[in-house]
Amino acid sequence: TSSFTLAHQATGEAYLYFYGPNARTSIRLDEVLLKKVNSPSASTLEQHRVINNPDFEHSIDGWESYADASLIWDTDAYKGNGAAKLSHRHSAYSGLAQRLATTLLPGANYHLSAAMKHTGSNRTQPLKLYLYYQTAEQASGQWIPLAEAPLATSDTWTQLTGSLTLPDSPIRQAYLLAFGPDKNVDLQVDEVTLTLVD
């Protein structure tokens, strides 16, 4: 018998490999058992980093614009020194994105929160957080709604929260997306957290 510990991160493929005898020597196997013996500790959960640059304190590194928008770092922040700002948005889907395929864990539970606001409109606008997700078995991905504020007031930070349970399959693609307001309405995002829940 033997035991081992895997790093607490996304796994694409894994194999059990049995070998030993010389060439042309038969090998027989029976009663092979592999089981999980404990859950990740609290400290391991805390160390699991999902979002890169979640608070935009000094830059927008790790983030990208989605569906044609201009992305800049801005000092008008929900908390701290800075936030992401998207302008010249060509549609309601134009927004902020981060790739998460290498940091999400298949089958895991997560809690999500983010601060968002819109400017440049004299009426309420929707603010949305979605996950685009595709497993290795899927021919195409799916849009998973995580959180929404359907009637957010202009120039006011709104806290969005949600939860998520991922399929227990290897991850091919995953994007966190923040979007929602009408085209040409500026969008700001700050303090994005995606926390692994035991």
N, C-alpha and C. Protein backbone atom coordinates (compact mmCIF):
# COMPACT_ATOMS: atom_id res chain seq x y z
N THR A 1 0.84 -1.19 0.00
CA THR A 1 0.00 0.00 0.00
C THR A 1 0.88 1.24 0.00
N SER A 2 0.29 2.35 -0.46
CA SER A 2 1.02 3.60 -0.51
C SER A 2 0.03 4.75 -0.52
N SER A 3 0.51 5.95 -0.22
CA SER A 3 -0.34 7.16 -0.26
C SER A 3 0.44 8.28 -0.91
N PHE A 4 -0.28 9.26 -1.45
CA PHE A 4 0.36 10.41 -2.06
C PHE A 4 -0.58 11.60 -1.99
N THR A 5 -0.05 12.78 -2.17
CA THR A 5 -0.83 14.02 -2.13
C THR A 5 -0.66 14.76 -3.44
N LEU A 6 -1.78 15.17 -4.04
CA LEU A 6 -1.75 15.95 -5.26
C LEU A 6 -1.79 17.42 -4.94
N ALA A 7 -1.14 18.23 -5.75
CA ALA A 7 -1.25 19.69 -5.61
C ALA A 7 -2.70 20.10 -5.84
N HIS A 8 -3.16 21.08 -5.06
CA HIS A 8 -4.57 21.48 -5.15
C HIS A 8 -4.75 22.47 -6.30
N GLN A 9 -4.80 21.92 -7.51
CA GLN A 9 -4.98 22.73 -8.71
C GLN A 9 -5.67 21.88 -9.77
N ALA A 10 -6.11 22.58 -10.84
CA ALA A 10 -6.85 21.88 -11.88
C ALA A 10 -6.00 20.77 -12.51
N THR A 11 -6.63 19.62 -12.78
CA THR A 11 -5.93 18.49 -13.39
C THR A 11 -6.55 18.17 -14.74
N GLY A 12 -5.74 18.19 -15.80
CA GLY A 12 -6.26 17.86 -17.12
C GLY A 12 -6.34 16.37 -17.33
N GLU A 13 -5.20 15.66 -17.17
CA GLU A 13 -5.16 14.22 -17.33
C GLU A 13 -4.25 13.62 -16.26
N ALA A 14 -4.56 12.40 -15.84
CA ALA A 14 -3.73 11.70 -14.87
C ALA A 14 -3.78 10.20 -15.16
N TYR A 15 -2.68 9.49 -14.92
CA TYR A 15 -2.60 8.06 -15.20
C TYR A 15 -1.96 7.34 -14.02
N LEU A 16 -2.43 6.14 -13.73
CA LEU A 16 -1.72 5.22 -12.85
C LEU A 16 -0.84 4.33 -13.74
N TYR A 17 0.41 4.22 -13.41
CA TYR A 17 1.35 3.50 -14.26
C TYR A 17 1.99 2.37 -13.46
N PHE A 18 1.81 1.13 -13.90
CA PHE A 18 2.37 -0.04 -13.22
C PHE A 18 3.46 -0.67 -14.10
N TYR A 19 4.63 -0.90 -13.51
CA TYR A 19 5.73 -1.48 -14.28
C TYR A 19 6.68 -2.21 -13.32
N GLY A 20 7.72 -2.79 -13.82
CA GLY A 20 8.69 -3.44 -12.94
C GLY A 20 9.44 -4.60 -13.56
N PRO A 21 8.74 -5.65 -14.05
CA PRO A 21 9.47 -6.81 -14.58
C PRO A 21 10.28 -6.47 -15.82
N ASN A 22 11.23 -7.33 -16.11
CA ASN A 22 12.02 -7.16 -17.32
C ASN A 22 11.14 -7.36 -18.56
N ALA A 23 11.68 -6.98 -19.69
CA ALA A 23 10.97 -7.17 -20.96
C ALA A 23 10.63 -8.64 -21.16
N ARG A 24 9.49 -8.92 -21.76
CA ARG A 24 8.98 -10.25 -22.07
C ARG A 24 8.58 -11.03 -20.82
N THR A 25 8.46 -10.32 -19.67
CA THR A 25 7.99 -10.95 -18.44
C THR A 25 6.57 -10.48 -18.16
N SER A 26 5.65 -11.40 -17.93
CA SER A 26 4.25 -11.05 -17.70
C SER A 26 4.08 -10.33 -16.36
N ILE A 27 3.06 -9.51 -16.30
CA ILE A 27 2.70 -8.83 -15.06
C ILE A 27 1.20 -8.95 -14.86
N ARG A 28 0.77 -9.28 -13.64
CA ARG A 28 -0.65 -9.42 -13.33
C ARG A 28 -1.03 -8.44 -12.23
N LEU A 29 -2.24 -7.86 -12.35
CA LEU A 29 -2.74 -6.91 -11.37
C LEU A 29 -4.10 -7.36 -10.86
N ASP A 30 -4.39 -7.07 -9.61
CA ASP A 30 -5.68 -7.40 -9.02
C ASP A 30 -5.94 -6.45 -7.86
N GLU A 31 -7.21 -6.17 -7.61
CA GLU A 31 -7.63 -5.39 -6.45
C GLU A 31 -6.90 -4.03 -6.37
N VAL A 32 -6.95 -3.28 -7.45
CA VAL A 32 -6.35 -1.95 -7.46
C VAL A 32 -7.37 -0.95 -6.93
N LEU A 33 -7.05 -0.26 -5.86
CA LEU A 33 -7.97 0.67 -5.21
C LEU A 33 -7.30 2.01 -5.03
N LEU A 34 -7.97 3.06 -5.50
CA LEU A 34 -7.50 4.42 -5.32
C LEU A 34 -8.65 5.23 -4.76
N LYS A 35 -8.47 5.80 -3.58
CA LYS A 35 -9.57 6.55 -2.98
C LYS A 35 -9.05 7.80 -2.28
N LYS A 36 -9.95 8.78 -2.21
CA LYS A 36 -9.65 10.03 -1.50
C LYS A 36 -9.78 9.78 0.00
N VAL A 37 -8.79 10.18 0.77
CA VAL A 37 -8.81 9.89 2.20
C VAL A 37 -9.10 11.11 3.07
N ASN A 38 -8.98 12.29 2.52
CA ASN A 38 -9.33 13.48 3.30
C ASN A 38 -9.59 14.65 2.37
N SER A 39 -10.23 15.67 2.91
CA SER A 39 -10.53 16.88 2.15
C SER A 39 -9.40 17.89 2.32
N PRO A 40 -9.32 18.87 1.41
CA PRO A 40 -8.29 19.89 1.56
C PRO A 40 -8.46 20.62 2.89
N SER A 41 -7.37 20.94 3.53
CA SER A 41 -7.43 21.68 4.79
C SER A 41 -7.83 23.12 4.53
N ALA A 42 -8.22 23.82 5.61
CA ALA A 42 -8.61 25.22 5.49
C ALA A 42 -7.46 26.05 4.92
N SER A 43 -6.23 25.75 5.37
CA SER A 43 -5.09 26.52 4.88
C SER A 43 -4.88 26.29 3.39
N THR A 44 -5.11 25.06 2.92
CA THR A 44 -4.98 24.77 1.49
C THR A 44 -6.02 25.54 0.70
N LEU A 45 -7.25 25.60 1.21
CA LEU A 45 -8.31 26.34 0.52
C LEU A 45 -7.95 27.80 0.42
N GLU A 46 -7.40 28.35 1.50
CA GLU A 46 -7.03 29.76 1.50
C GLU A 46 -5.91 30.04 0.51
N GLN A 47 -5.03 29.07 0.31
CA GLN A 47 -3.88 29.28 -0.57
C GLN A 47 -4.25 29.11 -2.04
N HIS A 48 -5.39 28.49 -2.31
CA HIS A 48 -5.77 28.26 -3.70
C HIS A 48 -6.19 29.58 -4.35
N ARG A 49 -5.37 30.06 -5.25
CA ARG A 49 -5.58 31.35 -5.88
C ARG A 49 -6.30 31.15 -7.21
N VAL A 50 -7.46 31.76 -7.34
CA VAL A 50 -8.25 31.59 -8.55
C VAL A 50 -8.12 32.81 -9.46
N ILE A 51 -8.37 33.99 -8.92
CA ILE A 51 -8.35 35.22 -9.70
C ILE A 51 -6.98 35.87 -9.63
N ASN A 52 -6.45 36.20 -10.79
CA ASN A 52 -5.20 36.95 -10.88
C ASN A 52 -5.50 38.44 -10.83
N ASN A 53 -4.82 39.17 -9.94
CA ASN A 53 -5.01 40.61 -9.80
C ASN A 53 -6.48 40.96 -9.53
N PRO A 54 -7.03 40.49 -8.41
CA PRO A 54 -8.47 40.68 -8.14
C PRO A 54 -8.86 42.10 -7.75
N ASP A 55 -7.89 42.90 -7.26
CA ASP A 55 -8.24 44.22 -6.72
C ASP A 55 -7.77 45.39 -7.58
N PHE A 56 -7.04 45.13 -8.67
CA PHE A 56 -6.63 46.18 -9.60
C PHE A 56 -5.87 47.31 -8.90
N GLU A 57 -5.12 46.99 -7.86
CA GLU A 57 -4.48 48.04 -7.07
C GLU A 57 -3.51 48.90 -7.88
N HIS A 58 -2.79 48.28 -8.80
CA HIS A 58 -1.77 49.03 -9.53
C HIS A 58 -1.86 48.86 -11.04
N SER A 59 -2.69 47.94 -11.52
CA SER A 59 -2.73 47.69 -12.96
C SER A 59 -3.97 46.85 -13.31
N ILE A 60 -4.09 46.57 -14.60
CA ILE A 60 -5.14 45.67 -15.08
C ILE A 60 -4.52 44.37 -15.60
N ASP A 61 -3.31 44.06 -15.15
CA ASP A 61 -2.63 42.83 -15.56
C ASP A 61 -3.49 41.61 -15.25
N GLY A 62 -3.51 40.66 -16.17
CA GLY A 62 -4.29 39.44 -16.00
C GLY A 62 -5.70 39.53 -16.54
N TRP A 63 -6.12 40.71 -16.93
CA TRP A 63 -7.48 40.92 -17.45
C TRP A 63 -7.44 41.35 -18.91
N GLU A 64 -8.54 41.17 -19.60
CA GLU A 64 -8.64 41.57 -21.00
C GLU A 64 -10.06 42.03 -21.31
N SER A 65 -10.19 42.83 -22.34
CA SER A 65 -11.53 43.26 -22.77
C SER A 65 -12.17 42.15 -23.58
N TYR A 66 -13.49 42.14 -23.58
CA TYR A 66 -14.25 41.12 -24.31
C TYR A 66 -15.28 41.80 -25.19
N ALA A 67 -15.42 41.31 -26.42
CA ALA A 67 -16.45 41.79 -27.37
C ALA A 67 -16.32 43.28 -27.65
N ASP A 68 -15.10 43.70 -27.93
CA ASP A 68 -14.85 45.04 -28.47
C ASP A 68 -15.14 46.16 -27.47
N ALA A 69 -14.19 46.40 -26.59
CA ALA A 69 -14.27 47.51 -25.65
C ALA A 69 -12.85 47.97 -25.33
N SER A 70 -12.71 49.22 -24.94
CA SER A 70 -11.41 49.77 -24.54
C SER A 70 -11.24 49.59 -23.04
N LEU A 71 -10.15 48.93 -22.63
CA LEU A 71 -9.90 48.63 -21.23
C LEU A 71 -8.73 49.45 -20.72
N ILE A 72 -8.94 50.19 -19.60
CA ILE A 72 -7.88 50.97 -18.99
C ILE A 72 -7.93 50.80 -17.47
N TRP A 73 -6.83 51.18 -16.80
CA TRP A 73 -6.79 51.24 -15.34
C TRP A 73 -7.27 52.61 -14.92
N ASP A 74 -8.12 52.68 -13.88
CA ASP A 74 -8.71 53.94 -13.46
C ASP A 74 -8.62 54.08 -11.95
N THR A 75 -8.45 55.31 -11.46
CA THR A 75 -8.33 55.54 -10.02
C THR A 75 -9.67 55.64 -9.31
N ASP A 76 -10.76 55.66 -10.04
CA ASP A 76 -12.10 55.68 -9.43
C ASP A 76 -12.42 54.25 -9.00
N ALA A 77 -12.07 53.91 -7.76
CA ALA A 77 -12.15 52.53 -7.30
C ALA A 77 -13.24 52.35 -6.25
N TYR A 78 -13.75 51.13 -6.18
CA TYR A 78 -14.67 50.75 -5.10
C TYR A 78 -13.92 50.68 -3.77
N LYS A 79 -12.69 50.18 -3.85
CA LYS A 79 -11.84 50.04 -2.67
C LYS A 79 -10.39 50.10 -3.12
N GLY A 80 -9.55 50.78 -2.36
CA GLY A 80 -8.14 50.83 -2.69
C GLY A 80 -7.79 51.87 -3.72
N ASN A 81 -6.78 51.56 -4.54
CA ASN A 81 -6.20 52.56 -5.43
C ASN A 81 -6.76 52.58 -6.85
N GLY A 82 -7.29 51.45 -7.33
CA GLY A 82 -7.68 51.41 -8.73
C GLY A 82 -8.74 50.40 -9.06
N ALA A 83 -9.24 50.50 -10.27
CA ALA A 83 -10.27 49.60 -10.79
C ALA A 83 -10.09 49.48 -12.30
N ALA A 84 -10.77 48.51 -12.88
CA ALA A 84 -10.79 48.38 -14.34
C ALA A 84 -11.93 49.21 -14.90
N LYS A 85 -11.67 49.90 -16.01
CA LYS A 85 -12.71 50.69 -16.66
C LYS A 85 -12.80 50.33 -18.13
N LEU A 86 -14.02 50.09 -18.60
CA LEU A 86 -14.26 49.75 -20.01
C LEU A 86 -15.11 50.84 -20.63
N SER A 87 -14.63 51.39 -21.72
CA SER A 87 -15.36 52.43 -22.46
C SER A 87 -15.42 52.06 -23.93
N HIS A 88 -16.12 52.87 -24.72
CA HIS A 88 -16.30 52.59 -26.15
C HIS A 88 -16.83 51.17 -26.35
N ARG A 89 -17.78 50.79 -25.54
CA ARG A 89 -18.36 49.45 -25.60
C ARG A 89 -19.34 49.38 -26.77
N HIS A 90 -19.18 48.40 -27.62
CA HIS A 90 -19.97 48.32 -28.84
C HIS A 90 -21.27 47.53 -28.68
N SER A 91 -21.44 46.85 -27.55
CA SER A 91 -22.67 46.11 -27.30
C SER A 91 -22.82 45.87 -25.81
N ALA A 92 -23.99 45.34 -25.40
CA ALA A 92 -24.20 45.02 -23.99
C ALA A 92 -23.26 43.92 -23.52
N TYR A 93 -22.73 43.11 -24.45
CA TYR A 93 -21.83 42.02 -24.09
C TYR A 93 -20.38 42.46 -23.98
N SER A 94 -20.08 43.68 -24.37
CA SER A 94 -18.72 44.19 -24.25
C SER A 94 -18.38 44.34 -22.77
N GLY A 95 -17.27 43.72 -22.34
CA GLY A 95 -16.97 43.77 -20.92
C GLY A 95 -15.57 43.32 -20.58
N LEU A 96 -15.42 42.83 -19.36
CA LEU A 96 -14.13 42.45 -18.80
C LEU A 96 -14.06 40.94 -18.66
N ALA A 97 -12.89 40.37 -18.97
CA ALA A 97 -12.76 38.91 -18.93
C ALA A 97 -11.43 38.50 -18.34
N GLN A 98 -11.43 37.29 -17.72
CA GLN A 98 -10.19 36.65 -17.29
C GLN A 98 -10.30 35.15 -17.57
N ARG A 99 -9.22 34.57 -18.10
CA ARG A 99 -9.18 33.14 -18.41
C ARG A 99 -8.88 32.36 -17.13
N LEU A 100 -9.68 31.32 -16.87
CA LEU A 100 -9.55 30.58 -15.61
C LEU A 100 -9.39 29.07 -15.79
N ALA A 101 -9.15 28.62 -17.00
CA ALA A 101 -9.10 27.17 -17.25
C ALA A 101 -8.02 26.48 -16.44
N THR A 102 -6.92 27.16 -16.13
CA THR A 102 -5.82 26.53 -15.42
C THR A 102 -5.90 26.70 -13.91
N THR A 103 -6.87 27.47 -13.41
CA THR A 103 -6.96 27.71 -11.97
C THR A 103 -8.22 27.15 -11.33
N LEU A 104 -9.28 26.93 -12.10
CA LEU A 104 -10.49 26.32 -11.56
C LEU A 104 -10.29 24.82 -11.35
N LEU A 105 -10.98 24.26 -10.38
CA LEU A 105 -10.88 22.84 -10.07
C LEU A 105 -12.17 22.12 -10.48
N PRO A 106 -12.10 21.10 -11.30
CA PRO A 106 -13.30 20.35 -11.68
C PRO A 106 -14.03 19.80 -10.45
N GLY A 107 -15.35 19.96 -10.42
CA GLY A 107 -16.16 19.44 -9.33
C GLY A 107 -16.16 20.28 -8.08
N ALA A 108 -15.46 21.41 -8.08
CA ALA A 108 -15.34 22.24 -6.88
C ALA A 108 -16.49 23.23 -6.76
N ASN A 109 -16.68 23.74 -5.53
CA ASN A 109 -17.68 24.77 -5.24
C ASN A 109 -16.97 26.10 -5.01
N TYR A 110 -17.55 27.17 -5.51
CA TYR A 110 -16.96 28.49 -5.38
C TYR A 110 -18.00 29.52 -4.95
N HIS A 111 -17.50 30.54 -4.25
CA HIS A 111 -18.31 31.73 -3.95
C HIS A 111 -17.69 32.91 -4.69
N LEU A 112 -18.54 33.71 -5.33
CA LEU A 112 -18.08 34.81 -6.18
C LEU A 112 -18.59 36.13 -5.64
N SER A 113 -17.75 37.16 -5.73
CA SER A 113 -18.20 38.52 -5.44
C SER A 113 -17.42 39.50 -6.31
N ALA A 114 -18.05 40.62 -6.63
CA ALA A 114 -17.40 41.67 -7.41
C ALA A 114 -18.17 42.96 -7.23
N ALA A 115 -17.46 44.07 -7.32
CA ALA A 115 -18.09 45.39 -7.29
C ALA A 115 -18.10 45.94 -8.72
N MET A 116 -19.26 46.42 -9.16
CA MET A 116 -19.40 46.94 -10.52
C MET A 116 -20.23 48.22 -10.50
N LYS A 117 -19.98 49.08 -11.48
CA LYS A 117 -20.84 50.25 -11.66
C LYS A 117 -20.78 50.71 -13.11
N HIS A 118 -21.80 51.45 -13.52
CA HIS A 118 -21.84 52.00 -14.87
C HIS A 118 -21.94 53.52 -14.79
N THR A 119 -21.40 54.18 -15.79
CA THR A 119 -21.47 55.64 -15.88
C THR A 119 -21.78 56.04 -17.31
N GLY A 120 -22.36 57.22 -17.45
CA GLY A 120 -22.68 57.71 -18.79
C GLY A 120 -24.10 57.43 -19.23
N SER A 121 -24.95 57.00 -18.29
CA SER A 121 -26.36 56.75 -18.61
C SER A 121 -27.22 57.40 -17.53
N ASN A 122 -28.36 57.96 -17.94
CA ASN A 122 -29.26 58.61 -16.98
C ASN A 122 -30.37 57.69 -16.51
N ARG A 123 -30.24 56.39 -16.77
CA ARG A 123 -31.24 55.44 -16.30
C ARG A 123 -30.55 54.19 -15.75
N THR A 124 -31.32 53.36 -15.07
CA THR A 124 -30.74 52.14 -14.50
C THR A 124 -30.30 51.20 -15.62
N GLN A 125 -29.29 50.38 -15.30
CA GLN A 125 -28.73 49.44 -16.26
C GLN A 125 -28.45 48.11 -15.57
N PRO A 126 -28.48 47.00 -16.31
CA PRO A 126 -28.12 45.70 -15.71
C PRO A 126 -26.61 45.55 -15.60
N LEU A 127 -26.18 44.88 -14.55
CA LEU A 127 -24.79 44.48 -14.36
C LEU A 127 -24.78 42.97 -14.19
N LYS A 128 -23.88 42.28 -14.90
CA LYS A 128 -23.93 40.82 -14.93
C LYS A 128 -22.54 40.21 -14.79
N LEU A 129 -22.50 39.07 -14.12
CA LEU A 129 -21.30 38.23 -14.04
C LEU A 129 -21.65 36.84 -14.56
N TYR A 130 -20.90 36.38 -15.54
CA TYR A 130 -21.13 35.06 -16.13
C TYR A 130 -19.82 34.29 -16.19
N LEU A 131 -19.95 32.98 -16.30
CA LEU A 131 -18.81 32.11 -16.57
C LEU A 131 -19.08 31.39 -17.89
N TYR A 132 -18.14 31.53 -18.83
CA TYR A 132 -18.19 30.70 -20.04
C TYR A 132 -17.33 29.48 -19.75
N TYR A 133 -17.93 28.29 -19.91
CA TYR A 133 -17.30 27.06 -19.41
C TYR A 133 -17.46 25.94 -20.43
N GLN A 134 -16.36 25.24 -20.69
CA GLN A 134 -16.39 24.09 -21.60
C GLN A 134 -15.53 22.98 -21.04
N THR A 135 -16.11 21.79 -20.89
CA THR A 135 -15.34 20.63 -20.44
C THR A 135 -14.73 19.92 -21.66
N ALA A 136 -13.84 18.98 -21.39
CA ALA A 136 -13.18 18.25 -22.46
C ALA A 136 -14.18 17.42 -23.26
N GLU A 137 -15.31 17.05 -22.63
CA GLU A 137 -16.30 16.21 -23.31
C GLU A 137 -17.29 17.01 -24.15
N GLN A 138 -17.34 18.32 -23.96
CA GLN A 138 -18.34 19.14 -24.65
C GLN A 138 -17.81 19.65 -25.98
N ALA A 139 -18.68 19.61 -27.00
CA ALA A 139 -18.30 20.14 -28.31
C ALA A 139 -18.26 21.66 -28.31
N SER A 140 -19.08 22.28 -27.48
CA SER A 140 -19.08 23.74 -27.34
C SER A 140 -19.35 24.09 -25.88
N GLY A 141 -19.01 25.31 -25.51
CA GLY A 141 -19.16 25.74 -24.13
C GLY A 141 -20.56 26.22 -23.80
N GLN A 142 -20.76 26.61 -22.54
CA GLN A 142 -22.04 27.13 -22.08
C GLN A 142 -21.82 28.38 -21.25
N TRP A 143 -22.82 29.26 -21.28
CA TRP A 143 -22.80 30.48 -20.49
C TRP A 143 -23.55 30.21 -19.18
N ILE A 144 -22.84 30.37 -18.06
CA ILE A 144 -23.43 30.10 -16.75
C ILE A 144 -23.61 31.43 -16.01
N PRO A 145 -24.87 31.84 -15.72
CA PRO A 145 -25.07 33.08 -14.96
C PRO A 145 -24.64 32.90 -13.51
N LEU A 146 -23.87 33.83 -13.01
CA LEU A 146 -23.36 33.77 -11.64
C LEU A 146 -24.04 34.79 -10.73
N ALA A 147 -24.20 36.01 -11.22
CA ALA A 147 -24.81 37.07 -10.41
C ALA A 147 -25.29 38.19 -11.33
N GLU A 148 -26.33 38.91 -10.89
CA GLU A 148 -26.87 40.00 -11.69
C GLU A 148 -27.54 41.04 -10.80
N ALA A 149 -27.34 42.31 -11.17
CA ALA A 149 -28.10 43.42 -10.59
C ALA A 149 -28.87 44.04 -11.75
N PRO A 150 -30.15 43.72 -11.92
CA PRO A 150 -30.89 44.12 -13.12
C PRO A 150 -31.18 45.62 -13.23
N LEU A 151 -31.19 46.33 -12.10
CA LEU A 151 -31.56 47.75 -12.12
C LEU A 151 -30.55 48.57 -11.32
N ALA A 152 -29.31 48.54 -11.74
CA ALA A 152 -28.26 49.27 -11.04
C ALA A 152 -28.30 50.75 -11.38
N THR A 153 -28.16 51.59 -10.36
CA THR A 153 -28.18 53.04 -10.52
C THR A 153 -26.86 53.54 -11.09
N SER A 154 -26.92 54.56 -11.93
CA SER A 154 -25.73 55.11 -12.56
C SER A 154 -24.78 55.70 -11.52
N ASP A 155 -23.47 55.53 -11.76
CA ASP A 155 -22.42 56.11 -10.95
C ASP A 155 -22.47 55.67 -9.48
N THR A 156 -22.95 54.45 -9.24
CA THR A 156 -23.04 53.89 -7.89
C THR A 156 -22.48 52.48 -7.90
N TRP A 157 -21.51 52.22 -7.03
CA TRP A 157 -20.95 50.88 -6.96
C TRP A 157 -21.98 49.90 -6.42
N THR A 158 -22.08 48.75 -7.07
CA THR A 158 -23.02 47.69 -6.67
C THR A 158 -22.23 46.41 -6.42
N GLN A 159 -22.50 45.78 -5.29
CA GLN A 159 -21.82 44.52 -4.94
C GLN A 159 -22.65 43.35 -5.47
N LEU A 160 -22.05 42.52 -6.30
CA LEU A 160 -22.70 41.32 -6.82
C LEU A 160 -22.08 40.09 -6.17
N THR A 161 -22.91 39.13 -5.78
CA THR A 161 -22.42 37.90 -5.19
C THR A 161 -23.16 36.71 -5.80
N GLY A 162 -22.51 35.57 -5.82
CA GLY A 162 -23.13 34.36 -6.34
C GLY A 162 -22.33 33.14 -5.94
N SER A 163 -22.80 31.98 -6.36
CA SER A 163 -22.12 30.73 -6.07
C SER A 163 -22.11 29.85 -7.31
N LEU A 164 -21.23 28.86 -7.31
CA LEU A 164 -21.02 28.05 -8.50
C LEU A 164 -20.49 26.68 -8.11
N THR A 165 -21.04 25.63 -8.72
CA THR A 165 -20.51 24.28 -8.62
C THR A 165 -20.13 23.80 -10.01
N LEU A 166 -18.88 23.44 -10.21
CA LEU A 166 -18.40 23.05 -11.52
C LEU A 166 -18.62 21.57 -11.79
N PRO A 167 -18.83 21.19 -13.06
CA PRO A 167 -18.91 19.77 -13.40
C PRO A 167 -17.60 19.06 -13.06
N ASP A 168 -17.70 17.80 -12.72
CA ASP A 168 -16.51 17.03 -12.34
C ASP A 168 -15.87 16.42 -13.58
N SER A 169 -15.42 17.27 -14.48
CA SER A 169 -14.79 16.84 -15.73
C SER A 169 -13.63 17.78 -16.04
N PRO A 170 -12.60 17.30 -16.74
CA PRO A 170 -11.48 18.16 -17.11
C PRO A 170 -11.94 19.41 -17.85
N ILE A 171 -11.31 20.53 -17.57
CA ILE A 171 -11.72 21.83 -18.11
C ILE A 171 -10.94 22.14 -19.38
N ARG A 172 -11.65 22.47 -20.45
CA ARG A 172 -11.01 22.89 -21.69
C ARG A 172 -10.91 24.40 -21.77
N GLN A 173 -12.02 25.10 -21.49
CA GLN A 173 -12.03 26.56 -21.52
C GLN A 173 -12.85 27.09 -20.36
N ALA A 174 -12.45 28.23 -19.80
CA ALA A 174 -13.24 28.89 -18.77
C ALA A 174 -12.86 30.37 -18.75
N TYR A 175 -13.88 31.22 -18.81
CA TYR A 175 -13.69 32.67 -18.75
C TYR A 175 -14.68 33.26 -17.74
N LEU A 176 -14.20 34.12 -16.88
CA LEU A 176 -15.09 34.93 -16.06
C LEU A 176 -15.36 36.22 -16.82
N LEU A 177 -16.64 36.59 -16.93
CA LEU A 177 -17.03 37.74 -17.74
C LEU A 177 -17.90 38.69 -16.93
N ALA A 178 -17.58 39.99 -16.99
CA ALA A 178 -18.38 41.05 -16.38
C ALA A 178 -18.87 41.98 -17.49
N PHE A 179 -20.19 42.15 -17.60
CA PHE A 179 -20.75 42.96 -18.68
C PHE A 179 -22.17 43.38 -18.28
N GLY A 180 -22.97 43.88 -19.23
CA GLY A 180 -24.37 44.14 -18.93
C GLY A 180 -24.98 45.42 -19.44
N PRO A 181 -24.38 46.60 -19.17
CA PRO A 181 -25.04 47.85 -19.58
C PRO A 181 -25.17 47.97 -21.10
N ASP A 182 -26.03 48.89 -21.53
CA ASP A 182 -26.20 49.16 -22.95
C ASP A 182 -24.87 49.58 -23.58
N LYS A 183 -24.78 49.45 -24.90
CA LYS A 183 -23.58 49.88 -25.59
C LYS A 183 -23.33 51.37 -25.35
N ASN A 184 -22.07 51.73 -25.38
CA ASN A 184 -21.60 53.11 -25.16
C ASN A 184 -21.75 53.59 -23.72
N VAL A 185 -22.21 52.72 -22.82
CA VAL A 185 -22.25 53.04 -21.39
C VAL A 185 -20.98 52.48 -20.77
N ASP A 186 -20.21 53.32 -20.07
CA ASP A 186 -18.96 52.86 -19.46
C ASP A 186 -19.24 51.90 -18.31
N LEU A 187 -18.31 50.97 -18.11
CA LEU A 187 -18.44 49.95 -17.07
C LEU A 187 -17.15 49.90 -16.26
N GLN A 188 -17.29 49.85 -14.94
CA GLN A 188 -16.13 49.71 -14.06
C GLN A 188 -16.29 48.49 -13.17
N VAL A 189 -15.16 47.83 -12.88
CA VAL A 189 -15.16 46.59 -12.10
C VAL A 189 -14.01 46.64 -11.09
N ASP A 190 -14.28 46.17 -9.87
CA ASP A 190 -13.25 46.17 -8.84
C ASP A 190 -13.52 45.03 -7.85
N GLU A 191 -12.47 44.63 -7.11
CA GLU A 191 -12.58 43.67 -6.01
C GLU A 191 -13.30 42.37 -6.43
N VAL A 192 -12.75 41.70 -7.43
CA VAL A 192 -13.32 40.44 -7.92
C VAL A 192 -12.72 39.27 -7.15
N THR A 193 -13.54 38.51 -6.48
CA THR A 193 -13.04 37.34 -5.75
C THR A 193 -13.83 36.09 -6.16
N LEU A 194 -13.13 35.00 -6.30
CA LEU A 194 -13.73 33.70 -6.57
C LEU A 194 -13.08 32.73 -5.59
N THR A 195 -13.81 32.40 -4.53
CA THR A 195 -13.25 31.67 -3.40
C THR A 195 -13.69 30.21 -3.40
N LEU A 196 -12.72 29.32 -3.25
CA LEU A 196 -13.01 27.89 -3.15
C LEU A 196 -13.69 27.59 -1.82
N VAL A 197 -14.83 26.90 -1.90
CA VAL A 197 -15.61 26.57 -0.71
C VAL A 197 -15.48 25.09 -0.41
N ASP A 198 -15.17 24.73 0.82
CA ASP A 198 -15.00 23.34 1.20
C ASP A 198 -16.34 22.62 1.17
